[in-house]
Amino acid sequence: MSDGRLSVFKTYKLYVGGKFPRSESGRVYEVTDSKGKWLANAPQSSRKDARDAVVAARKAFGGWSGATAYNRGQVLYRVAEMLEGRREQFAREVADAEGLSKSKAAAVVDAAVDRWVWYAGWTDKIGQVVGGANPVAGPFFNLSTPEPTGVVAVLAPQESSFLGLVSVIAPVIATGSTAVVIASAAAPLPALSLGEVLATSDLPGGVVNILSGGTAELAAPLASHQDVNAIDLTGADAGLARELEAAAADNLKRVLRPQPVDEDWSAGPGTRRLTAFLETKTVWHPTGALGASGSSY
């Protein structure tokens, strides 16, 4: 028998609220590789898709931020496990997206998996680094504790479609916030496939929401959205970043500005992105009445 079967093309969809909707507008756009070869049709998200993603992220925030840091670390590690199991698929998609050789694309995917593991290990440690007991005069305990900011809009890097993507998503959710991510406009397929990994991990629906389409079109409503608490402008050019920063000031969003030069995603990430979307809560508590000896407890 001759093998006359047709290939089954993959249908890429958005990832919002733990589900895989098409864009509400019904629009798609062509995604090509570095040589102009057609790869797939990606959903072209609308402003309503962006607003729906914010609703999903806000709904998920209470449960995710209320989970123990250790549990969040377990979930992030599970994501790394699932990525490892689909290593070949992501290496192929990264090679197409970024014009890399198979070996270089595989190295990028390995680095992305390692970065998930790295951030998984930080979930229950960052509190000790940026929080702690403060020395004060008087019979009080004074404790500073980091808390997640809330819903974070993330403009993923345009050139680094996977390692850069992981590097901006993982620290947001590791510290308890939820994310609405705008994937690289020219190379969204690794990001949309990441949604499939997140859906089959232990990550609750809505913690990460992934949109594809025009970066400026989607970022504008997120920057001005009153229920978005912070925005990462990594994937914006200088002009767009200025516009979005001005819009973000309306409800005093935290803003992580893009670097003046292209970021080296292969370098050690440090804790800068972990602390970018944390707020510090300081609590005073009396130690009790001082006794005759001048001490308590």
Foldseek 3Di string as FASTA:
>chain_A
DDPPDDDDADDFAWAAQLDGDAAPVPDWDFAFFPVRHTRYTYGAHAQVLLVRLLVLQQVCQVVLQPDALLVLLVLLLQLLVLLVVCLQVQLVLQCRHQVHDSVVSSVLSVLLSVVSNVLSVCLNPVQVVPWAWDDDPDQKTKTKGKGFQEEEEEEFAQNRQGLSRSLQQSLNSSPRYAYEYEGRANRNVSVSVSSVSSSPTPNRGSSYTYHYHDPLRNLQCQLQPLSHQAYECQHPDPVSQVVSVVNNPPNDHQYHYHDPDRDDSSDDPPCVSNCSRIDMDMDMDGNDDADPVRDGD
